C-alpha atoms as a PDB file:
ATOM      1  CA  MET A   1      -3.905  24.852   6.203  1.00  0.00           C
ATOM      2  CA  GLU A   2      -4.166  21.053   6.323  1.00  0.00           C
ATOM      3  CA  ARG A   3      -7.741  21.195   7.613  1.00  0.00           C
ATOM      4  CA  SER A   4      -8.674  23.539   4.766  1.00  0.00           C
ATOM      5  CA  LEU A   5      -7.151  21.175   2.194  1.00  0.00           C
ATOM      6  CA  LEU A   6      -8.957  18.206   3.713  1.00  0.00           C
ATOM      7  CA  ASN A   7     -12.274  20.051   3.571  1.00  0.00           C
ATOM      8  CA  LEU A   8     -11.712  21.000  -0.075  1.00  0.00           C
ATOM      9  CA  ILE A   9     -10.982  17.365  -0.996  1.00  0.00           C
ATOM     10  CA  LEU A  10     -14.022  16.086   0.870  1.00  0.00           C
ATOM     11  CA  ALA A  11     -16.150  18.701  -0.919  1.00  0.00           C
ATOM     12  CA  ASP A  12     -14.734  17.577  -4.305  1.00  0.00           C
ATOM     13  CA  GLU A  13     -13.260  21.028  -4.886  1.00  0.00           C
ATOM     14  CA  ILE A  14      -9.801  19.442  -5.073  1.00  0.00           C
ATOM     15  CA  GLN A  15      -9.625  16.215  -7.068  1.00  0.00           C
ATOM     16  CA  LEU A  16      -7.674  13.113  -6.113  1.00  0.00           C
ATOM     17  CA  VAL A  17      -5.385  11.734  -8.817  1.00  0.00           C
ATOM     18  CA  PRO A  18      -4.307   8.059  -9.029  1.00  0.00           C
ATOM     19  CA  VAL A  19      -0.564   7.463  -8.720  1.00  0.00           C
ATOM     20  CA  THR A  20       1.264   4.135  -9.036  1.00  0.00           C
ATOM     21  CA  GLN A  21       4.675   2.752  -8.124  1.00  0.00           C
ATOM     22  CA  PRO A  22       6.138  -0.553  -9.358  1.00  0.00           C
ATOM     23  CA  ILE A  23       7.011  -3.484  -7.099  1.00  0.00           C
ATOM     24  CA  MET A  24       9.782  -5.524  -8.682  1.00  0.00           C
ATOM     25  CA  ASN A  25      11.090  -9.077  -8.523  1.00  0.00           C
ATOM     26  CA  LEU A  26      14.677  -8.464  -7.409  1.00  0.00           C
ATOM     27  CA  ARG A  27      15.974 -11.654  -9.012  1.00  0.00           C
ATOM     28  CA  SER A  28      14.530 -11.179 -12.496  1.00  0.00           C
ATOM     29  CA  MET A  29      13.999  -7.388 -12.275  1.00  0.00           C
ATOM     30  CA  ARG A  30      10.534  -7.918 -13.716  1.00  0.00           C
ATOM     31  CA  LEU A  31       7.354  -6.200 -12.591  1.00  0.00           C
ATOM     32  CA  GLU A  32       5.435  -8.226  -9.993  1.00  0.00           C
ATOM     33  CA  ALA A  33       2.903  -5.655  -8.763  1.00  0.00           C
ATOM     34  CA  ARG A  34       1.955  -2.003  -8.529  1.00  0.00           C
ATOM     35  CA  GLU A  35       1.124  -0.015  -5.433  1.00  0.00           C
ATOM     36  CA  TYR A  36      -1.753   2.448  -5.843  1.00  0.00           C
ATOM     37  CA  LEU A  37      -1.705   5.826  -4.120  1.00  0.00           C
ATOM     38  CA  THR A  38      -3.602   9.093  -4.522  1.00  0.00           C
ATOM     39  CA  HIS A  39      -2.148  12.568  -4.885  1.00  0.00           C
ATOM     40  CA  PHE A  40      -3.688  16.014  -5.198  1.00  0.00           C
ATOM     41  CA  VAL A  41      -2.524  19.458  -6.259  1.00  0.00           C
ATOM     42  CA  ASP A  42      -2.901  22.018  -3.497  1.00  0.00           C
ATOM     43  CA  GLU A  43      -3.919  25.652  -3.888  1.00  0.00           C
ATOM     44  CA  ALA A  44      -0.283  26.652  -4.431  1.00  0.00           C
ATOM     45  CA  GLY A  45       0.019  24.206  -7.331  1.00  0.00           C
ATOM     46  CA  VAL A  46       2.168  21.739  -5.379  1.00  0.00           C
ATOM     47  CA  ASP A  47       1.681  18.015  -5.983  1.00  0.00           C
ATOM     48  CA  ARG A  48       1.100  16.282  -2.631  1.00  0.00           C
ATOM     49  CA  SER A  49       0.297  12.818  -1.333  1.00  0.00           C
ATOM     50  CA  SER A  50      -3.027  12.268   0.398  1.00  0.00           C
ATOM     51  CA  GLY A  51      -1.101  10.025   2.777  1.00  0.00           C
ATOM     52  CA  VAL A  52       0.238  13.134   4.507  1.00  0.00           C
ATOM     53  CA  LEU A  53      -3.296  14.149   5.490  1.00  0.00           C
ATOM     54  CA  LEU A  54      -4.256  10.606   6.455  1.00  0.00           C
ATOM     55  CA  ALA A  55      -1.317  10.482   8.865  1.00  0.00           C
ATOM     56  CA  ASP A  56      -1.993  13.917  10.400  1.00  0.00           C
ATOM     57  CA  LEU A  57      -3.381  13.104  13.845  1.00  0.00           C
ATOM     58  CA  SER A  58      -4.287  16.752  14.422  1.00  0.00           C
ATOM     59  CA  LEU A  59      -7.130  16.321  11.923  1.00  0.00           C
ATOM     60  CA  PRO A  60     -10.443  14.801  13.095  1.00  0.00           C
ATOM     61  CA  GLU A  61     -10.443  11.021  12.793  1.00  0.00           C
ATOM     62  CA  LYS A  62     -13.881  10.927  11.146  1.00  0.00           C
ATOM     63  CA  ASP A  63     -12.634  13.269   8.415  1.00  0.00           C
ATOM     64  CA  ARG A  64      -9.490  11.210   7.874  1.00  0.00           C
ATOM     65  CA  VAL A  65     -11.648   8.092   7.510  1.00  0.00           C
ATOM     66  CA  ALA A  66     -13.866   9.976   5.033  1.00  0.00           C
ATOM     67  CA  LEU A  67     -10.717  10.920   3.095  1.00  0.00           C
ATOM     68  CA  ASP A  68      -9.519   7.312   3.073  1.00  0.00           C
ATOM     69  CA  LEU A  69     -12.889   6.204   1.675  1.00  0.00           C
ATOM     70  CA  LYS A  70     -12.505   8.803  -1.092  1.00  0.00           C
ATOM     71  CA  CYS A  71      -8.975   7.570  -1.815  1.00  0.00           C
ATOM     72  CA  LEU A  72     -10.215   3.985  -1.968  1.00  0.00           C
ATOM     73  CA  ALA A  73     -13.114   4.922  -4.239  1.00  0.00           C
ATOM     74  CA  ARG A  74     -10.707   6.697  -6.619  1.00  0.00           C
ATOM     75  CA  THR A  75      -8.337   3.733  -6.556  1.00  0.00           C
ATOM     76  CA  PHE A  76     -11.027   1.141  -7.265  1.00  0.00           C
ATOM     77  CA  GLU A  77     -12.393   3.358 -10.025  1.00  0.00           C
ATOM     78  CA  THR A  78      -8.928   3.140 -11.579  1.00  0.00           C
ATOM     79  CA  LEU A  79      -8.669  -0.607 -11.000  1.00  0.00           C
ATOM     80  CA  ALA A  80     -12.025  -1.096 -12.744  1.00  0.00           C
ATOM     81  CA  GLN A  81     -10.431   0.216 -15.942  1.00  0.00           C
ATOM     82  CA  LEU A  82      -7.623  -2.356 -16.029  1.00  0.00           C
ATOM     83  CA  PRO A  83      -7.672  -4.924 -18.835  1.00  0.00           C
ATOM     84  CA  PRO A  84      -8.596  -8.446 -17.617  1.00  0.00           C
ATOM     85  CA  ALA A  85      -5.449 -10.019 -19.120  1.00  0.00           C
ATOM     86  CA  LEU A  86      -3.150  -8.418 -16.530  1.00  0.00           C
ATOM     87  CA  SER A  87      -1.467 -11.030 -14.358  1.00  0.00           C
ATOM     88  CA  HIS A  88       0.381  -8.942 -11.770  1.00  0.00           C
ATOM     89  CA  LEU A  89      -0.876  -7.834  -8.359  1.00  0.00           C
ATOM     90  CA  HIS A  90      -2.305  -4.495  -7.256  1.00  0.00           C
ATOM     91  CA  PHE A  91      -1.556  -3.196  -3.744  1.00  0.00           C
ATOM     92  CA  VAL A  92      -4.153  -0.827  -2.292  1.00  0.00           C
ATOM     93  CA  ASN A  93      -3.414   1.166   0.867  1.00  0.00           C
ATOM     94  CA  LEU A  94      -6.050   0.899   3.574  1.00  0.00           C
ATOM     95  CA  GLU A  95      -6.146   2.638   6.944  1.00  0.00           C
ATOM     96  CA  PRO A  96      -7.244   0.037   9.542  1.00  0.00           C
ATOM     97  CA  ARG A  97      -9.557   2.611  11.172  1.00  0.00           C
ATOM     98  CA  THR A  98     -11.546   2.609   7.927  1.00  0.00           C
ATOM     99  CA  LEU A  99     -12.332  -1.064   8.484  1.00  0.00           C
ATOM    100  CA  GLU A 100     -14.360  -0.020  11.527  1.00  0.00           C
ATOM    101  CA  ASN A 101     -16.646   2.140   9.378  1.00  0.00           C
ATOM    102  CA  PRO A 102     -19.782   0.312   8.109  1.00  0.00           C
ATOM    103  CA  ALA A 103     -19.737   2.481   4.973  1.00  0.00           C
ATOM    104  CA  PHE A 104     -16.584   0.688   3.789  1.00  0.00           C
ATOM    105  CA  TRP A 105     -18.250  -2.728   3.939  1.00  0.00           C
ATOM    106  CA  GLU A 106     -21.329  -1.352   2.171  1.00  0.00           C
ATOM    107  CA  VAL A 107     -19.418  -0.043  -0.870  1.00  0.00           C
ATOM    108  CA  LEU A 108     -16.690  -2.704  -1.152  1.00  0.00           C
ATOM    109  CA  PRO A 109     -18.870  -5.385  -2.863  1.00  0.00           C
ATOM    110  CA  GLY A 110     -19.810  -2.911  -5.586  1.00  0.00           C
ATOM    111  CA  TRP A 111     -16.186  -1.947  -6.126  1.00  0.00           C
ATOM    112  CA  LEU A 112     -15.219  -5.602  -6.503  1.00  0.00           C
ATOM    113  CA  GLU A 113     -18.126  -6.359  -8.824  1.00  0.00           C
ATOM    114  CA  ALA A 114     -16.946  -3.611 -11.183  1.00  0.00           C
ATOM    115  CA  LEU A 115     -13.484  -5.180 -11.598  1.00  0.00           C
ATOM    116  CA  SER A 116     -12.446  -7.036 -14.729  1.00  0.00           C
ATOM    117  CA  ILE A 117      -9.429  -8.502 -12.922  1.00  0.00           C
ATOM    118  CA  ARG A 118      -9.763 -11.200 -10.238  1.00  0.00           C
ATOM    119  CA  PRO A 119     -10.262 -10.088  -6.617  1.00  0.00           C
ATOM    120  CA  ASP A 120      -7.259 -12.208  -5.572  1.00  0.00           C
ATOM    121  CA  GLN A 121      -5.081  -9.874  -7.635  1.00  0.00           C
ATOM    122  CA  ILE A 122      -5.939  -7.104  -5.167  1.00  0.00           C
ATOM    123  CA  VAL A 123      -3.799  -6.868  -2.031  1.00  0.00           C
ATOM    124  CA  MET A 124      -5.238  -4.696   0.728  1.00  0.00           C
ATOM    125  CA  GLU A 125      -2.221  -3.175   2.431  1.00  0.00           C
ATOM    126  CA  PHE A 126      -2.818  -2.305   6.082  1.00  0.00           C
ATOM    127  CA  THR A 127      -0.997   0.923   6.897  1.00  0.00           C
ATOM    128  CA  GLU A 128      -0.375   2.033  10.478  1.00  0.00           C
ATOM    129  CA  ALA A 129      -1.865  -1.247  11.685  1.00  0.00           C
ATOM    130  CA  GLN A 130      -0.594  -0.548  15.190  1.00  0.00           C
ATOM    131  CA  SER A 131      -3.205   2.258  15.419  1.00  0.00           C
ATOM    132  CA  VAL A 132      -5.859  -0.422  15.961  1.00  0.00           C
ATOM    133  CA  HIS A 133      -5.386  -1.686  19.491  1.00  0.00           C
ATOM    134  CA  ASN A 134      -7.795  -4.624  19.296  1.00  0.00           C
ATOM    135  CA  LEU A 135      -5.880  -7.241  17.330  1.00  0.00           C
ATOM    136  CA  ASP A 136      -8.834  -9.629  17.395  1.00  0.00           C
ATOM    137  CA  ASP A 137     -10.970  -7.058  15.563  1.00  0.00           C
ATOM    138  CA  LEU A 138      -8.241  -6.491  12.982  1.00  0.00           C
ATOM    139  CA  LYS A 139      -7.850 -10.232  12.487  1.00  0.00           C
ATOM    140  CA  ASP A 140     -11.606 -10.518  11.924  1.00  0.00           C
ATOM    141  CA  TYR A 141     -11.533  -7.706   9.356  1.00  0.00           C
ATOM    142  CA  ALA A 142      -8.698  -9.473   7.543  1.00  0.00           C
ATOM    143  CA  ARG A 143     -10.761 -12.691   7.518  1.00  0.00           C
ATOM    144  CA  ARG A 144     -13.750 -10.843   6.030  1.00  0.00           C
ATOM    145  CA  LEU A 145     -11.565  -9.391   3.282  1.00  0.00           C
ATOM    146  CA  ARG A 146     -10.177 -12.843   2.472  1.00  0.00           C
ATOM    147  CA  VAL A 147     -13.698 -14.284   2.263  1.00  0.00           C
ATOM    148  CA  MET A 148     -14.327 -11.706  -0.473  1.00  0.00           C
ATOM    149  CA  GLY A 149     -11.293 -13.037  -2.360  1.00  0.00           C
ATOM    150  CA  LEU A 150      -8.808 -10.318  -1.436  1.00  0.00           C
ATOM    151  CA  ARG A 151      -5.258 -10.742  -0.161  1.00  0.00           C
ATOM    152  CA  ILE A 152      -3.668  -8.972   2.822  1.00  0.00           C
ATOM    153  CA  ALA A 153      -0.354  -7.165   3.314  1.00  0.00           C
ATOM    154  CA  VAL A 154       1.095  -5.618   6.470  1.00  0.00           C
ATOM    155  CA  ASP A 155       3.115  -2.453   5.969  1.00  0.00           C
ATOM    156  CA  ASP A 156       6.054  -1.004   7.921  1.00  0.00           C
ATOM    157  CA  LEU A 157       7.511  -4.193   9.388  1.00  0.00           C
ATOM    158  CA  GLY A 158      10.515  -3.034  11.379  1.00  0.00           C
ATOM    159  CA  SER A 159       9.085   0.280  12.524  1.00  0.00           C
ATOM    160  CA  GLY A 160       8.349  -1.190  15.976  1.00  0.00           C
ATOM    161  CA  VAL A 161       7.609  -4.282  17.998  1.00  0.00           C
ATOM    162  CA  ALA A 162       3.876  -3.725  17.471  1.00  0.00           C
ATOM    163  CA  SER A 163       4.224  -4.413  13.751  1.00  0.00           C
ATOM    164  CA  LEU A 164       5.820  -7.806  14.479  1.00  0.00           C
ATOM    165  CA  SER A 165       2.894  -8.672  16.746  1.00  0.00           C
ATOM    166  CA  HIS A 166       0.402  -7.663  14.062  1.00  0.00           C
ATOM    167  CA  MET A 167       2.219  -9.746  11.468  1.00  0.00           C
ATOM    168  CA  ALA A 168       2.071 -12.849  13.637  1.00  0.00           C
ATOM    169  CA  ARG A 169      -1.612 -12.410  14.473  1.00  0.00           C
ATOM    170  CA  LEU A 170      -2.822 -11.452  10.994  1.00  0.00           C
ATOM    171  CA  ALA A 171      -0.820 -14.098   9.075  1.00  0.00           C
ATOM    172  CA  PRO A 172      -0.743 -11.838   5.986  1.00  0.00           C
ATOM    173  CA  ASP A 173      -0.031 -12.877   2.426  1.00  0.00           C
ATOM    174  CA  PHE A 174       2.702 -10.222   2.194  1.00  0.00           C
ATOM    175  CA  ILE A 175       4.858  -8.257   4.601  1.00  0.00           C
ATOM    176  CA  LYS A 176       6.764  -5.082   3.812  1.00  0.00           C
ATOM    177  CA  ALA A 177      10.042  -4.098   5.435  1.00  0.00           C
ATOM    178  CA  ASP A 178      10.039  -0.488   6.554  1.00  0.00           C
ATOM    179  CA  ARG A 179      12.401   2.078   5.046  1.00  0.00           C
ATOM    180  CA  SER A 180      14.180   2.172   8.424  1.00  0.00           C
ATOM    181  CA  LEU A 181      15.521  -1.340   7.710  1.00  0.00           C
ATOM    182  CA  VAL A 182      16.435  -0.514   4.123  1.00  0.00           C
ATOM    183  CA  GLN A 183      18.140   2.854   4.498  1.00  0.00           C
ATOM    184  CA  GLN A 184      21.925   2.572   4.273  1.00  0.00           C
ATOM    185  CA  ALA A 185      21.711  -1.237   4.484  1.00  0.00           C
ATOM    186  CA  HIS A 186      24.960  -1.438   2.486  1.00  0.00           C
ATOM    187  CA  ARG A 187      26.734   0.376   5.346  1.00  0.00           C
ATOM    188  CA  ARG A 188      24.988  -1.427   8.227  1.00  0.00           C
ATOM    189  CA  PRO A 189      25.649  -5.175   8.281  1.00  0.00           C
ATOM    190  CA  TYR A 190      23.157  -5.798  11.111  1.00  0.00           C
ATOM    191  CA  GLN A 191      20.328  -4.432   8.924  1.00  0.00           C
ATOM    192  CA  SER A 192      21.330  -6.678   6.034  1.00  0.00           C
ATOM    193  CA  ALA A 193      21.485  -9.657   8.386  1.00  0.00           C
ATOM    194  CA  LEU A 194      18.042  -8.858   9.780  1.00  0.00           C
ATOM    195  CA  LEU A 195      16.571  -8.485   6.291  1.00  0.00           C
ATOM    196  CA  ASN A 196      18.106 -11.813   5.332  1.00  0.00           C
ATOM    197  CA  ALA A 197      16.602 -13.478   8.409  1.00  0.00           C
ATOM    198  CA  LEU A 198      13.188 -11.986   7.662  1.00  0.00           C
ATOM    199  CA  ALA A 199      13.427 -13.105   4.047  1.00  0.00           C
ATOM    200  CA  HIS A 200      14.103 -16.703   5.110  1.00  0.00           C
ATOM    201  CA  PHE A 201      11.329 -16.561   7.707  1.00  0.00           C
ATOM    202  CA  ALA A 202       8.861 -15.251   5.113  1.00  0.00           C
ATOM    203  CA  ARG A 203       9.851 -17.985   2.677  1.00  0.00           C
ATOM    204  CA  ALA A 204       9.327 -20.662   5.335  1.00  0.00           C
ATOM    205  CA  MET A 205       5.897 -19.207   6.151  1.00  0.00           C
ATOM    206  CA  ARG A 206       5.028 -18.912   2.425  1.00  0.00           C
ATOM    207  CA  VAL A 207       4.594 -15.162   2.818  1.00  0.00           C
ATOM    208  CA  GLY A 208       5.695 -12.659   0.182  1.00  0.00           C
ATOM    209  CA  PHE A 209       8.417 -10.297   1.452  1.00  0.00           C
ATOM    210  CA  ILE A 210       8.931  -6.805   0.029  1.00  0.00           C
ATOM    211  CA  ALA A 211      11.559  -4.213   0.941  1.00  0.00           C
ATOM    212  CA  GLU A 212      10.169  -0.727   0.409  1.00  0.00           C
ATOM    213  CA  GLY A 213      11.955   2.592   0.161  1.00  0.00           C
ATOM    214  CA  ILE A 214      14.952   1.392  -1.861  1.00  0.00           C
ATOM    215  CA  GLU A 215      16.409   4.664  -3.114  1.00  0.00           C
ATOM    216  CA  THR A 216      19.984   4.033  -4.319  1.00  0.00           C
ATOM    217  CA  PRO A 217      21.823   1.386  -6.368  1.00  0.00           C
ATOM    218  CA  GLU A 218      23.919   0.608  -3.280  1.00  0.00           C
ATOM    219  CA  GLU A 219      20.838  -0.096  -1.204  1.00  0.00           C
ATOM    220  CA  LEU A 220      19.411  -2.218  -4.010  1.00  0.00           C
ATOM    221  CA  THR A 221      22.586  -4.332  -4.116  1.00  0.00           C
ATOM    222  CA  ALA A 222      22.491  -4.832  -0.333  1.00  0.00           C
ATOM    223  CA  ILE A 223      18.805  -5.780  -0.379  1.00  0.00           C
ATOM    224  CA  THR A 224      19.335  -8.217  -3.254  1.00  0.00           C
ATOM    225  CA  ASP A 225      22.378  -9.745  -1.514  1.00  0.00           C
ATOM    226  CA  ALA A 226      20.200 -10.215   1.591  1.00  0.00           C
ATOM    227  CA  ASP A 227      17.999 -12.502  -0.525  1.00  0.00           C
ATOM    228  CA  VAL A 228      14.916 -10.264  -0.301  1.00  0.00           C
ATOM    229  CA  PRO A 229      12.705 -11.401  -3.190  1.00  0.00           C
ATOM    230  CA  TRP A 230      10.733  -8.219  -3.987  1.00  0.00           C
ATOM    231  CA  GLY A 231      11.405  -4.502  -3.693  1.00  0.00           C
ATOM    232  CA  GLN A 232      10.051  -1.073  -4.430  1.00  0.00           C
ATOM    233  CA  GLY A 233      11.334   2.466  -4.174  1.00  0.00           C
ATOM    234  CA  TYR A 234      12.700   5.466  -6.014  1.00  0.00           C
ATOM    235  CA  VAL A 235      15.578   3.417  -7.448  1.00  0.00           C
ATOM    236  CA  PHE A 236      12.964   1.989  -9.842  1.00  0.00           C
ATOM    237  CA  GLY A 237      11.402   5.385 -10.498  1.00  0.00           C
ATOM    238  CA  ARG A 238       9.231   7.882  -8.685  1.00  0.00           C
ATOM    239  CA  PRO A 239       5.462   7.313  -8.464  1.00  0.00           C
ATOM    240  CA  VAL A 240       3.800   8.215 -11.753  1.00  0.00           C
ATOM    241  CA  ILE A 241       0.358   9.639 -12.398  1.00  0.00           C
ATOM    242  CA  GLY A 242      -2.056   7.072 -13.756  1.00  0.00           C
ATOM    243  CA  VAL A 243      -1.456   3.411 -14.566  1.00  0.00           C
ATOM    244  CA  PRO A 244       0.706   2.458 -17.583  1.00  0.00           C
ATOM    245  CA  GLU A 245      -1.665  -0.414 -18.465  1.00  0.00           C
ATOM    246  CA  ILE A 246      -4.530   2.048 -18.968  1.00  0.00           C
ATOM    247  CA  SER A 247      -4.644   4.109 -22.136  1.00  0.00           C
ATOM    248  CA  PRO A 248      -4.717   7.835 -21.205  1.00  0.00           C
ATOM    249  CA  ALA A 249      -7.696   8.305 -23.499  1.00  0.00           C
ATOM    250  CA  ASN A 250      -9.692   5.846 -21.414  1.00  0.00           C
ATOM    251  CA  GLN A 251      -8.822   7.186 -17.988  1.00  0.00           C
ATOM    252  CA  ALA A 252     -11.644   8.715 -15.992  1.00  0.00           C
ATOM    253  CA  GLY A 253     -11.265  12.060 -14.271  1.00  0.00           C
END
């Protein structure tokens, strides 16, 4: 089933749709950034995230990389439509395995050239960074992205020791606390204390710190009390199709 869906997407028989989720300043409750994702509607009419296919290790790696390139192309096509006056940031998910594909580095300059916003407003968010075993290679890829004006974020901090190692080596501009640290934080004082420690560490290192997966008002209160500066999650609304800053009449696809 999943292989069939992947093949249909790669053959452009199922279209990818841009989806965005806000990232909020937890002190002012103002929008700081948006995270960009892609969804698709399967043959049963169910809306699904392409991230499910990207994370399915039973699917061939080369096909998952091809899917990630399609997701990135759709995302940058959407970013190219943004008005230049926008000041907030735009987080774009990127599978580290894709960085190993020469095709990515061939198309990226064209994607950036088409933007009306500044490249430093784009944050390339490394997902599943622990899947790349050679940290030196990943660090070099991050350097190449920065040379092109882009910023770097590391996702899923807290999901394992490997993510802490990657954070230290990559020296990202942003780190994201995994849902495992956020869930039920109001009932688990050790999680709140850890989030608070990470928030102070990030501030000392001049790194942006984001708690993701905040789903309830109680969790939001706990995360805010832990002095985490930014957050995202269903408590602020589910991901929405398209980008509010783009007029529907002007959206491609």
